[in-house]
């Protein structure tokens, strides 16, 4: 058979059934995969978070096999629960812990310290007090005012029988200062902390049980952008770990 005859034979021979449409089967598979891919993209872009909450009750910590690490998974709060209701609900355990003896002690301390006491709170079975620095110390100084001595005297009476740890934090604002004695606000906070240590020791507290931290303006409770906010940031925080158990044991 000549070359021309062989070429004609291969071109004109009938193909087996099914082979003629093979390329169309491959194209249809590819189109189906593309269609599936775009459907998935559309589905993910129109994800209904509310539907997930209705079906699964919210993404609770650990619900997807991931443990809670630093609040990376949000805790969903019922949208119909107001902030006031949440606050009251959170305060209930605190109200139950405030026995009559504790309430009497705290009320007496709040009365004696007056406006100098910014906050008084029970935290993790310990007592936390926040005192306004301006009521204790002079402006840009570590010298105690006469009313500061009186305030600390009442605090000393309150602490006279305390034998546990006392954590003291001294905070200032970001006022630009540069003097021979106080080159910055952190140094001022340290000197004020030293004064507080002397006073607390004078009222019978052991110095080795007082933990002092002078933070300066590093940890303000608000932005240092107005005189009122800077005054709020100038504060002393005292913590008495385990205070609740001690009062319970004595009552």
Protein backbone atom coordinates (compact mmCIF):
# COMPACT_ATOMS: atom_id res chain seq x y z
CA UNK A 1 0.00 0.00 0.00
CA UNK A 2 1.39 3.31 -1.03
CA UNK A 3 1.79 6.30 1.30
CA UNK A 4 -1.12 8.05 -0.33
CA UNK A 5 -3.37 5.00 0.11
CA UNK A 6 -2.39 4.60 3.77
CA UNK A 7 -3.14 8.26 4.46
CA UNK A 8 -6.56 7.97 2.85
CA UNK A 9 -7.28 4.81 4.85
CA UNK A 10 -6.58 6.43 8.24
CA UNK A 11 -8.51 9.59 7.42
CA UNK A 12 -11.62 7.85 6.08
CA UNK A 13 -11.86 4.89 8.45
CA UNK A 14 -14.89 4.92 10.85
CA UNK A 15 -14.09 5.70 14.51
CA UNK A 16 -15.29 3.45 17.36
CA UNK A 17 -18.48 4.54 19.12
CA UNK A 18 -17.84 7.16 21.83
CA UNK A 19 -14.41 8.30 20.68
CA UNK A 20 -15.76 11.10 18.52
CA UNK A 21 -17.20 12.99 21.56
CA UNK A 22 -14.29 12.42 23.97
CA UNK A 23 -13.11 15.99 23.89
CA UNK A 24 -16.61 17.20 24.78
CA UNK A 25 -16.68 15.02 27.91
CA UNK A 26 -13.42 16.58 29.07
CA UNK A 27 -14.74 20.11 28.43
CA UNK A 28 -17.97 19.45 30.30
CA UNK A 29 -16.04 18.20 33.33
CA UNK A 30 -13.93 21.34 33.33
CA UNK A 31 -16.99 23.60 33.03
CA UNK A 32 -18.69 21.75 35.89
CA UNK A 33 -15.66 22.24 38.13
CA UNK A 34 -15.51 25.93 37.25
CA UNK A 35 -19.21 26.34 37.97
CA UNK A 36 -18.78 24.59 41.35
CA UNK A 37 -15.84 26.85 42.18
CA UNK A 38 -17.80 30.05 41.45
CA UNK A 39 -20.81 28.80 43.40
CA UNK A 40 -18.56 28.27 46.42
CA UNK A 41 -17.11 31.77 46.02
CA UNK A 42 -20.58 33.32 45.91
CA UNK A 43 -21.68 31.28 48.91
CA UNK A 44 -18.73 32.40 51.03
CA UNK A 45 -19.06 36.04 50.01
CA UNK A 46 -22.73 36.10 51.05
CA UNK A 47 -22.15 34.31 54.40
CA UNK A 48 -25.05 34.96 56.78
CA UNK A 49 -23.61 35.30 60.31
CA UNK A 50 -27.10 35.60 61.79
CA UNK A 51 -28.07 32.27 60.30
CA UNK A 52 -25.05 30.67 61.96
CA UNK A 53 -26.14 32.05 65.34
CA UNK A 54 -29.68 30.75 64.81
CA UNK A 55 -28.49 27.28 63.88
CA UNK A 56 -25.53 26.78 66.21
CA UNK A 57 -26.25 29.27 69.01
CA UNK A 58 -23.16 31.38 68.44
CA UNK A 59 -19.44 30.69 68.11
CA UNK A 60 -18.73 29.72 71.70
CA UNK A 61 -15.12 29.21 72.87
CA UNK A 62 -13.93 25.76 71.94
CA UNK A 63 -16.94 25.03 69.70
CA UNK A 64 -14.70 24.46 66.70
CA UNK A 65 -11.96 22.61 68.54
CA UNK A 66 -10.06 25.84 69.31
CA UNK A 67 -9.46 26.66 72.96
CA UNK A 68 -9.97 30.19 74.26
CA UNK A 69 -6.61 31.97 74.20
CA UNK A 70 -6.76 35.62 75.18
CA UNK A 71 -10.27 36.23 73.89
CA UNK A 72 -9.52 35.49 70.25
CA UNK A 73 -13.00 33.96 69.84
CA UNK A 74 -15.78 36.48 70.64
CA UNK A 75 -18.43 35.62 73.20
CA UNK A 76 -21.84 36.40 71.70
CA UNK A 77 -24.24 38.25 74.00
CA UNK A 78 -27.97 38.12 73.44
CA UNK A 79 -28.83 41.31 71.50
CA UNK A 80 -32.02 41.90 73.51
CA UNK A 81 -30.09 42.07 76.82
CA UNK A 82 -29.32 45.69 77.66
CA UNK A 83 -26.08 46.96 79.17
CA UNK A 84 -27.88 47.82 82.44
CA UNK A 85 -29.15 44.25 82.78
CA UNK A 86 -25.68 42.88 82.12
CA UNK A 87 -24.18 45.20 84.70
CA UNK A 88 -26.74 44.19 87.32
CA UNK A 89 -26.16 40.54 86.52
CA UNK A 90 -22.40 40.93 86.95
CA UNK A 91 -22.85 42.79 90.26
CA UNK A 92 -24.93 40.04 91.86
CA UNK A 93 -21.96 37.93 93.02
CA UNK A 94 -20.37 41.06 94.53
CA UNK A 95 -23.57 41.91 96.41
CA UNK A 96 -23.74 38.40 97.82
CA UNK A 97 -20.14 38.64 99.03
CA UNK A 98 -20.76 41.92 100.88
CA UNK A 99 -21.71 40.66 104.31
CA UNK A 100 -22.83 43.05 107.02
CA UNK A 101 -19.41 43.17 108.67
CA UNK A 102 -17.62 43.91 105.40
CA UNK A 103 -20.11 46.56 104.38
CA UNK A 104 -19.72 48.29 107.73
CA UNK A 105 -15.93 48.40 107.41
CA UNK A 106 -16.02 49.70 103.85
CA UNK A 107 -18.70 52.30 104.59
CA UNK A 108 -16.64 53.61 107.50
CA UNK A 109 -13.50 53.81 105.37
CA UNK A 110 -15.34 55.60 102.56
CA UNK A 111 -16.77 58.11 105.02
CA UNK A 112 -13.40 58.89 106.61
CA UNK A 113 -11.46 59.21 103.35
CA UNK A 114 -14.11 61.34 101.69
CA UNK A 115 -13.52 62.53 98.12
CA UNK A 116 -9.96 61.20 98.15
CA UNK A 117 -11.32 57.67 97.69
CA UNK A 118 -12.08 57.32 93.99
CA UNK A 119 -13.05 53.66 94.03
CA UNK A 120 -13.44 50.78 96.44
CA UNK A 121 -14.01 47.30 95.05
CA UNK A 122 -13.75 43.60 95.79
CA UNK A 123 -11.67 41.85 93.12
CA UNK A 124 -10.91 38.10 93.27
CA UNK A 125 -11.56 37.96 97.04
CA UNK A 126 -9.20 40.89 97.56
CA UNK A 127 -9.86 44.54 98.35
CA UNK A 128 -8.83 47.25 95.89
CA UNK A 129 -8.74 50.95 96.78
CA UNK A 130 -8.09 53.83 94.40
CA UNK A 131 -7.07 57.16 95.95
CA UNK A 132 -6.68 60.54 94.28
CA UNK A 133 -3.05 61.67 94.46
CA UNK A 134 -3.97 65.36 94.50
CA UNK A 135 -5.65 64.86 97.90
CA UNK A 136 -2.40 63.46 99.33
CA UNK A 137 0.52 65.26 97.68
CA UNK A 138 1.38 68.79 96.62
CA UNK A 139 1.50 69.78 92.97
CA UNK A 140 4.51 68.18 91.27
CA UNK A 141 5.86 67.21 94.69
CA UNK A 142 6.17 64.19 96.97
CA UNK A 143 5.46 66.14 100.17
CA UNK A 144 2.26 65.09 101.94
CA UNK A 145 -0.40 67.74 102.47
CA UNK A 146 -1.93 68.09 105.97
CA UNK A 147 -5.16 66.56 104.65
CA UNK A 148 -3.06 63.82 103.06
CA UNK A 149 -1.64 62.94 106.47
CA UNK A 150 -5.17 62.78 107.86
CA UNK A 151 -6.41 60.60 105.02
CA UNK A 152 -3.52 58.17 105.45
CA UNK A 153 -4.15 58.11 109.19
CA UNK A 154 -7.66 56.80 108.56
CA UNK A 155 -6.21 54.32 106.09
CA UNK A 156 -3.71 53.20 108.73
CA UNK A 157 -6.52 52.61 111.24
CA UNK A 158 -8.26 50.47 108.65
CA UNK A 159 -5.06 48.48 108.02
CA UNK A 160 -3.87 48.23 111.62
CA UNK A 161 -4.69 44.52 111.96
CA UNK A 162 -3.76 43.55 108.40
CA UNK A 163 -0.82 41.15 108.23
CA UNK A 164 -1.06 40.11 104.60
CA UNK A 165 0.50 41.62 101.49
CA UNK A 166 -0.19 45.20 100.46
CA UNK A 167 0.29 46.02 96.79
CA UNK A 168 0.80 49.72 96.09
CA UNK A 169 0.74 51.28 92.62
CA UNK A 170 1.62 54.94 92.06
CA UNK A 171 0.44 56.61 88.86
CA UNK A 172 0.99 60.13 87.54
CA UNK A 173 0.03 61.95 84.34
CA UNK A 174 2.11 62.93 81.32
CA UNK A 175 2.76 66.51 82.40
CA UNK A 176 6.17 67.52 80.99
CA UNK A 177 8.46 68.09 83.95
CA UNK A 178 12.20 68.31 84.31
CA UNK A 179 13.60 69.44 87.62
CA UNK A 180 16.77 68.59 89.49
CA UNK A 181 14.89 66.18 91.75
CA UNK A 182 12.19 64.94 89.37
CA UNK A 183 13.50 64.66 85.80
CA UNK A 184 10.31 62.87 84.71
CA UNK A 185 6.91 61.74 86.00
CA UNK A 186 8.12 58.19 86.72
CA UNK A 187 10.70 59.53 89.18
CA UNK A 188 8.00 61.58 90.89
CA UNK A 189 5.86 58.45 91.18
CA UNK A 190 8.77 56.55 92.75
CA UNK A 191 9.37 59.26 95.38
CA UNK A 192 5.68 59.40 96.24
CA UNK A 193 5.72 55.62 96.60
CA UNK A 194 8.62 55.88 99.05
CA UNK A 195 6.60 58.35 101.15
CA UNK A 196 3.67 55.95 101.21
CA UNK A 197 5.93 53.10 102.35
CA UNK A 198 7.15 55.19 105.28
CA UNK A 199 3.60 56.08 106.32
CA UNK A 200 2.30 52.51 106.04
CA UNK A 201 5.27 51.24 108.06
CA UNK A 202 4.59 53.89 110.68
CA UNK A 203 1.07 52.43 111.07
CA UNK A 204 2.42 48.96 111.77
CA UNK A 205 2.68 47.33 108.35
CA UNK A 206 5.83 45.33 107.69
CA UNK A 207 7.85 46.85 104.87
CA UNK A 208 8.78 43.42 103.53
CA UNK A 209 5.07 42.76 102.91
CA UNK A 210 4.54 45.94 100.88
CA UNK A 211 5.00 45.57 97.13
CA UNK A 212 5.55 48.94 95.46
CA UNK A 213 5.24 49.70 91.74
CA UNK A 214 5.75 53.22 90.32
CA UNK A 215 4.32 53.41 86.81
CA UNK A 216 4.32 57.12 86.15
CA UNK A 217 2.08 57.95 83.19
CA UNK A 218 2.34 54.52 81.57
CA UNK A 219 -1.04 53.15 82.70
CA UNK A 220 -3.60 55.92 82.68
CA UNK A 221 -7.29 55.10 83.07
CA UNK A 222 -8.10 57.75 80.49
CA UNK A 223 -6.36 59.86 77.85
CA UNK A 224 -4.12 62.66 79.16
CA UNK A 225 -5.72 65.31 76.97
CA UNK A 226 -7.52 67.58 79.47
CA UNK A 227 -6.76 68.85 83.01
CA UNK A 228 -9.65 66.76 84.34
CA UNK A 229 -8.37 63.57 82.69
CA UNK A 230 -4.82 64.17 83.89
CA UNK A 231 -6.13 64.64 87.42
CA UNK A 232 -8.02 61.35 87.13
CA UNK A 233 -4.83 59.57 86.07
CA UNK A 234 -2.90 60.85 89.10
CA UNK A 235 -3.86 58.15 91.54
CA UNK A 236 -2.72 55.57 94.11
CA UNK A 237 -4.01 51.99 93.93
CA UNK A 238 -3.80 49.71 96.98
CA UNK A 239 -4.65 46.02 96.85
CA UNK A 240 -5.10 43.66 99.78
CA UNK A 241 -5.10 40.07 98.37
CA UNK A 242 -7.23 37.67 100.40
CA UNK A 243 -9.01 40.41 102.37
CA UNK A 244 -12.41 38.71 102.03
CA UNK A 245 -11.26 35.45 103.64
CA UNK A 246 -9.68 37.36 106.52
CA UNK A 247 -12.87 39.26 107.29
CA UNK A 248 -14.91 36.07 107.04
CA UNK A 249 -12.61 34.31 109.48
CA UNK A 250 -12.92 37.12 112.03
CA UNK A 251 -16.70 37.61 111.73
